[in-house]
Amino acid sequence: MAITFYFAVTTPAVGPSTPDADILLVTIFGSGVLIYIARYFFYKGNGINIGKMLQEIPPE
């Protein structure tokens, strides 16, 4: 996600070209970060460790 954000901000052909587009880009990426933080604290309150949940590889 970080590399996509970097190229979207630094490459005019790929990224935004107006201030409104900059605001939209920050809103989209920022909402993802806020959702992750909200889920982290929600699951932490319920006693579930999200870090361990993301590290476990399910058996095939």
PDB file of N, CA and C in Angstrom:
ATOM      1  N   MET A   1       0.815  -1.175   0.000  1.00  0.00           N
ATOM      2  CA  MET A   1       0.000   0.000   0.000  1.00  0.00           C
ATOM      3  C   MET A   1       0.871   1.254   0.000  1.00  0.00           C
ATOM      4  N   ALA A   2       1.980   1.207   0.701  1.00  0.00           N
ATOM      5  CA  ALA A   2       2.847   2.384   0.780  1.00  0.00           C
ATOM      6  C   ALA A   2       3.442   2.727  -0.585  1.00  0.00           C
ATOM      7  N   ILE A   3       3.852   1.730  -1.346  1.00  0.00           N
ATOM      8  CA  ILE A   3       4.452   1.999  -2.657  1.00  0.00           C
ATOM      9  C   ILE A   3       3.404   2.562  -3.618  1.00  0.00           C
ATOM     10  N   THR A   4       2.175   2.078  -3.515  1.00  0.00           N
ATOM     11  CA  THR A   4       1.097   2.603  -4.350  1.00  0.00           C
ATOM     12  C   THR A   4       0.842   4.066  -4.008  1.00  0.00           C
ATOM     13  N   PHE A   5       0.818   4.367  -2.717  1.00  0.00           N
ATOM     14  CA  PHE A   5       0.621   5.749  -2.281  1.00  0.00           C
ATOM     15  C   PHE A   5       1.759   6.631  -2.774  1.00  0.00           C
ATOM     16  N   TYR A   6       2.995   6.139  -2.683  1.00  0.00           N
ATOM     17  CA  TYR A   6       4.159   6.913  -3.126  1.00  0.00           C
ATOM     18  C   TYR A   6       4.053   7.255  -4.609  1.00  0.00           C
ATOM     19  N   PHE A   7       3.773   6.252  -5.448  1.00  0.00           N
ATOM     20  CA  PHE A   7       3.678   6.511  -6.888  1.00  0.00           C
ATOM     21  C   PHE A   7       2.476   7.385  -7.230  1.00  0.00           C
ATOM     22  N   ALA A   8       1.386   7.218  -6.499  1.00  0.00           N
ATOM     23  CA  ALA A   8       0.200   8.035  -6.765  1.00  0.00           C
ATOM     24  C   ALA A   8       0.450   9.505  -6.446  1.00  0.00           C
ATOM     25  N   VAL A   9       1.285   9.772  -5.452  1.00  0.00           N
ATOM     26  CA  VAL A   9       1.549  11.153  -5.055  1.00  0.00           C
ATOM     27  C   VAL A   9       2.656  11.782  -5.887  1.00  0.00           C
ATOM     28  N   THR A  10       3.663  11.004  -6.285  1.00  0.00           N
ATOM     29  CA  THR A  10       4.834  11.585  -6.946  1.00  0.00           C
ATOM     30  C   THR A  10       4.787  11.535  -8.472  1.00  0.00           C
ATOM     31  N   THR A  11       3.920  10.744  -9.069  1.00  0.00           N
ATOM     32  CA  THR A  11       3.864  10.626 -10.523  1.00  0.00           C
ATOM     33  C   THR A  11       2.587  11.286 -11.039  1.00  0.00           C
ATOM     34  N   PRO A  12       2.712  12.439 -11.707  1.00  0.00           N
ATOM     35  CA  PRO A  12       1.510  13.146 -12.169  1.00  0.00           C
ATOM     36  C   PRO A  12       0.668  12.332 -13.156  1.00  0.00           C
ATOM     37  N   ALA A  13       1.293  11.473 -13.951  1.00  0.00           N
ATOM     38  CA  ALA A  13       0.535  10.685 -14.926  1.00  0.00           C
ATOM     39  C   ALA A  13      -0.330   9.628 -14.242  1.00  0.00           C
ATOM     40  N   VAL A  14       0.060   9.219 -13.046  1.00  0.00           N
ATOM     41  CA  VAL A  14      -0.675   8.187 -12.321  1.00  0.00           C
ATOM     42  C   VAL A  14      -1.538   8.795 -11.234  1.00  0.00           C
ATOM     43  N   GLY A  15      -0.987   9.755 -10.528  1.00  0.00           N
ATOM     44  CA  GLY A  15      -1.630  10.294  -9.342  1.00  0.00           C
ATOM     45  C   GLY A  15      -2.525  11.487  -9.617  1.00  0.00           C
ATOM     46  N   PRO A  16      -2.898  12.138  -8.558  1.00  0.00           N
ATOM     47  CA  PRO A  16      -3.821  13.266  -8.677  1.00  0.00           C
ATOM     48  C   PRO A  16      -3.160  14.483  -9.308  1.00  0.00           C
ATOM     49  N   SER A  17      -3.960  15.296  -9.973  1.00  0.00           N
ATOM     50  CA  SER A  17      -3.419  16.498 -10.618  1.00  0.00           C
ATOM     51  C   SER A  17      -4.093  17.772 -10.123  1.00  0.00           C
ATOM     52  N   THR A  18      -5.072  17.640  -9.215  1.00  0.00           N
ATOM     53  CA  THR A  18      -5.755  18.802  -8.659  1.00  0.00           C
ATOM     54  C   THR A  18      -5.799  18.679  -7.138  1.00  0.00           C
ATOM     55  N   PRO A  19      -5.998  19.768  -6.432  1.00  0.00           N
ATOM     56  CA  PRO A  19      -6.112  19.685  -4.969  1.00  0.00           C
ATOM     57  C   PRO A  19      -7.286  18.812  -4.514  1.00  0.00           C
ATOM     58  N   ASP A  20      -8.382  18.832  -5.254  1.00  0.00           N
ATOM     59  CA  ASP A  20      -9.520  17.980  -4.897  1.00  0.00           C
ATOM     60  C   ASP A  20      -9.153  16.502  -4.997  1.00  0.00           C
ATOM     61  N   ALA A  21      -8.374  16.149  -6.005  1.00  0.00           N
ATOM     62  CA  ALA A  21      -7.940  14.771  -6.161  1.00  0.00           C
ATOM     63  C   ALA A  21      -6.982  14.381  -5.036  1.00  0.00           C
ATOM     64  N   ASP A  22      -6.141  15.324  -4.592  1.00  0.00           N
ATOM     65  CA  ASP A  22      -5.257  15.059  -3.450  1.00  0.00           C
ATOM     66  C   ASP A  22      -6.069  14.738  -2.203  1.00  0.00           C
ATOM     67  N   ILE A  23      -7.104  15.517  -1.970  1.00  0.00           N
ATOM     68  CA  ILE A  23      -7.957  15.302  -0.802  1.00  0.00           C
ATOM     69  C   ILE A  23      -8.645  13.945  -0.886  1.00  0.00           C
ATOM     70  N   LEU A  24      -9.122  13.579  -2.053  1.00  0.00           N
ATOM     71  CA  LEU A  24      -9.769  12.285  -2.237  1.00  0.00           C
ATOM     72  C   LEU A  24      -8.794  11.139  -1.981  1.00  0.00           C
ATOM     73  N   LEU A  25      -7.572  11.274  -2.473  1.00  0.00           N
ATOM     74  CA  LEU A  25      -6.557  10.243  -2.270  1.00  0.00           C
ATOM     75  C   LEU A  25      -6.234  10.067  -0.792  1.00  0.00           C
ATOM     76  N   VAL A  26      -6.048  11.157  -0.086  1.00  0.00           N
ATOM     77  CA  VAL A  26      -5.758  11.089   1.350  1.00  0.00           C
ATOM     78  C   VAL A  26      -6.949  10.491   2.101  1.00  0.00           C
ATOM     79  N   THR A  27      -8.153  10.819   1.692  1.00  0.00           N
ATOM     80  CA  THR A  27      -9.349  10.269   2.331  1.00  0.00           C
ATOM     81  C   THR A  27      -9.428   8.760   2.153  1.00  0.00           C
ATOM     82  N   ILE A  28      -9.150   8.281   0.952  1.00  0.00           N
ATOM     83  CA  ILE A  28      -9.220   6.844   0.679  1.00  0.00           C
ATOM     84  C   ILE A  28      -8.180   6.081   1.491  1.00  0.00           C
ATOM     85  N   PHE A  29      -6.925   6.527   1.446  1.00  0.00           N
ATOM     86  CA  PHE A  29      -5.881   5.827   2.189  1.00  0.00           C
ATOM     87  C   PHE A  29      -6.064   6.003   3.698  1.00  0.00           C
ATOM     88  N   GLY A  30      -6.487   7.180   4.119  1.00  0.00           N
ATOM     89  CA  GLY A  30      -6.704   7.426   5.542  1.00  0.00           C
ATOM     90  C   GLY A  30      -7.838   6.594   6.112  1.00  0.00           C
ATOM     91  N   SER A  31      -8.889   6.374   5.326  1.00  0.00           N
ATOM     92  CA  SER A  31     -10.003   5.558   5.812  1.00  0.00           C
ATOM     93  C   SER A  31      -9.562   4.120   6.062  1.00  0.00           C
ATOM     94  N   GLY A  32      -8.676   3.610   5.232  1.00  0.00           N
ATOM     95  CA  GLY A  32      -8.156   2.263   5.461  1.00  0.00           C
ATOM     96  C   GLY A  32      -7.388   2.165   6.762  1.00  0.00           C
ATOM     97  N   VAL A  33      -6.586   3.167   7.054  1.00  0.00           N
ATOM     98  CA  VAL A  33      -5.823   3.190   8.305  1.00  0.00           C
ATOM     99  C   VAL A  33      -6.776   3.295   9.497  1.00  0.00           C
ATOM    100  N   LEU A  34      -7.779   4.149   9.399  1.00  0.00           N
ATOM    101  CA  LEU A  34      -8.735   4.299  10.497  1.00  0.00           C
ATOM    102  C   LEU A  34      -9.535   3.030  10.741  1.00  0.00           C
ATOM    103  N   ILE A  35      -9.917   2.339   9.679  1.00  0.00           N
ATOM    104  CA  ILE A  35     -10.654   1.080   9.831  1.00  0.00           C
ATOM    105  C   ILE A  35      -9.783   0.039  10.528  1.00  0.00           C
ATOM    106  N   TYR A  36      -8.504  -0.053  10.142  1.00  0.00           N
ATOM    107  CA  TYR A  36      -7.603  -1.008  10.791  1.00  0.00           C
ATOM    108  C   TYR A  36      -7.458  -0.692  12.278  1.00  0.00           C
ATOM    109  N   ILE A  37      -7.271   0.583  12.620  1.00  0.00           N
ATOM    110  CA  ILE A  37      -7.108   0.968  14.024  1.00  0.00           C
ATOM    111  C   ILE A  37      -8.384   0.672  14.816  1.00  0.00           C
ATOM    112  N   ALA A  38      -9.538   0.975  14.244  1.00  0.00           N
ATOM    113  CA  ALA A  38     -10.807   0.703  14.924  1.00  0.00           C
ATOM    114  C   ALA A  38     -10.991  -0.788  15.153  1.00  0.00           C
ATOM    115  N   ARG A  39     -10.681  -1.605  14.149  1.00  0.00           N
ATOM    116  CA  ARG A  39     -10.806  -3.060  14.306  1.00  0.00           C
ATOM    117  C   ARG A  39      -9.818  -3.587  15.338  1.00  0.00           C
ATOM    118  N   TYR A  40      -8.609  -3.013  15.370  1.00  0.00           N
ATOM    119  CA  TYR A  40      -7.596  -3.444  16.332  1.00  0.00           C
ATOM    120  C   TYR A  40      -8.108  -3.247  17.761  1.00  0.00           C
ATOM    121  N   PHE A  41      -8.621  -2.049  18.053  1.00  0.00           N
ATOM    122  CA  PHE A  41      -9.107  -1.788  19.406  1.00  0.00           C
ATOM    123  C   PHE A  41     -10.392  -2.548  19.720  1.00  0.00           C
ATOM    124  N   PHE A  42     -11.245  -2.769  18.717  1.00  0.00           N
ATOM    125  CA  PHE A  42     -12.458  -3.554  18.924  1.00  0.00           C
ATOM    126  C   PHE A  42     -12.109  -4.983  19.311  1.00  0.00           C
ATOM    127  N   TYR A  43     -11.220  -5.616  18.539  1.00  0.00           N
ATOM    128  CA  TYR A  43     -10.830  -6.996  18.833  1.00  0.00           C
ATOM    129  C   TYR A  43     -10.011  -7.089  20.111  1.00  0.00           C
ATOM    130  N   LYS A  44      -9.195  -6.070  20.383  1.00  0.00           N
ATOM    131  CA  LYS A  44      -8.405  -6.065  21.618  1.00  0.00           C
ATOM    132  C   LYS A  44      -9.334  -6.018  22.825  1.00  0.00           C
ATOM    133  N   GLY A  45     -10.408  -5.258  22.728  1.00  0.00           N
ATOM    134  CA  GLY A  45     -11.399  -5.195  23.811  1.00  0.00           C
ATOM    135  C   GLY A  45     -12.113  -6.505  24.027  1.00  0.00           C
ATOM    136  N   ASN A  46     -12.219  -7.302  22.974  1.00  0.00           N
ATOM    137  CA  ASN A  46     -12.871  -8.607  23.081  1.00  0.00           C
ATOM    138  C   ASN A  46     -11.885  -9.725  23.393  1.00  0.00           C
ATOM    139  N   GLY A  47     -10.615  -9.384  23.585  1.00  0.00           N
ATOM    140  CA  GLY A  47      -9.612 -10.382  23.951  1.00  0.00           C
ATOM    141  C   GLY A  47      -9.012 -11.132  22.779  1.00  0.00           C
ATOM    142  N   ILE A  48      -9.151 -10.610  21.578  1.00  0.00           N
ATOM    143  CA  ILE A  48      -8.597 -11.267  20.388  1.00  0.00           C
ATOM    144  C   ILE A  48      -7.379 -10.482  19.924  1.00  0.00           C
ATOM    145  N   ASN A  49      -6.245 -11.162  19.745  1.00  0.00           N
ATOM    146  CA  ASN A  49      -5.017 -10.509  19.295  1.00  0.00           C
ATOM    147  C   ASN A  49      -4.973 -10.544  17.777  1.00  0.00           C
ATOM    148  N   ILE A  50      -5.157  -9.400  17.147  1.00  0.00           N
ATOM    149  CA  ILE A  50      -5.183  -9.325  15.677  1.00  0.00           C
ATOM    150  C   ILE A  50      -3.827  -9.676  15.082  1.00  0.00           C
ATOM    151  N   GLY A  51      -2.737  -9.364  15.772  1.00  0.00           N
ATOM    152  CA  GLY A  51      -1.411  -9.681  15.276  1.00  0.00           C
ATOM    153  C   GLY A  51      -1.206 -11.176  15.094  1.00  0.00           C
ATOM    154  N   LYS A  52      -1.650 -11.956  16.057  1.00  0.00           N
ATOM    155  CA  LYS A  52      -1.544 -13.407  15.935  1.00  0.00           C
ATOM    156  C   LYS A  52      -2.481 -13.951  14.869  1.00  0.00           C
ATOM    157  N   MET A  53      -3.630 -13.326  14.731  1.00  0.00           N
ATOM    158  CA  MET A  53      -4.582 -13.777  13.726  1.00  0.00           C
ATOM    159  C   MET A  53      -4.018 -13.582  12.325  1.00  0.00           C
ATOM    160  N   LEU A  54      -3.264 -12.510  12.110  1.00  0.00           N
ATOM    161  CA  LEU A  54      -2.699 -12.236  10.794  1.00  0.00           C
ATOM    162  C   LEU A  54      -1.430 -13.041  10.527  1.00  0.00           C
ATOM    163  N   GLN A  55      -0.769 -13.551  11.568  1.00  0.00           N
ATOM    164  CA  GLN A  55       0.464 -14.308  11.405  1.00  0.00           C
ATOM    165  C   GLN A  55       0.210 -15.780  11.112  1.00  0.00           C
ATOM    166  N   GLU A  56      -0.915 -16.302  11.530  1.00  0.00           N
ATOM    167  CA  GLU A  56      -1.180 -17.721  11.374  1.00  0.00           C
ATOM    168  C   GLU A  56      -1.504 -18.065   9.924  1.00  0.00           C
ATOM    169  N   ILE A  57      -0.875 -19.103   9.430  1.00  0.00           N
ATOM    170  CA  ILE A  57      -1.139 -19.587   8.075  1.00  0.00           C
ATOM    171  C   ILE A  57      -2.079 -20.791   8.198  1.00  0.00           C
ATOM    172  N   PRO A  58      -3.240 -20.738   7.566  1.00  0.00           N
ATOM    173  CA  PRO A  58      -4.172 -21.858   7.700  1.00  0.00           C
ATOM    174  C   PRO A  58      -3.639 -23.114   6.977  1.00  0.00           C
ATOM    175  N   PRO A  59      -3.949 -24.284   7.507  1.00  0.00           N
ATOM    176  CA  PRO A  59      -3.497 -25.521   6.850  1.00  0.00           C
ATOM    177  C   PRO A  59      -4.206 -25.723   5.508  1.00  0.00           C
ATOM    178  N   GLU A  60      -3.509 -26.351   4.593  1.00  0.00           N
ATOM    179  CA  GLU A  60      -4.127 -26.596   3.279  1.00  0.00           C
ATOM    180  C   GLU A  60      -4.638 -28.007   3.176  1.00  0.00           C
TER     181      GLU A  60
END
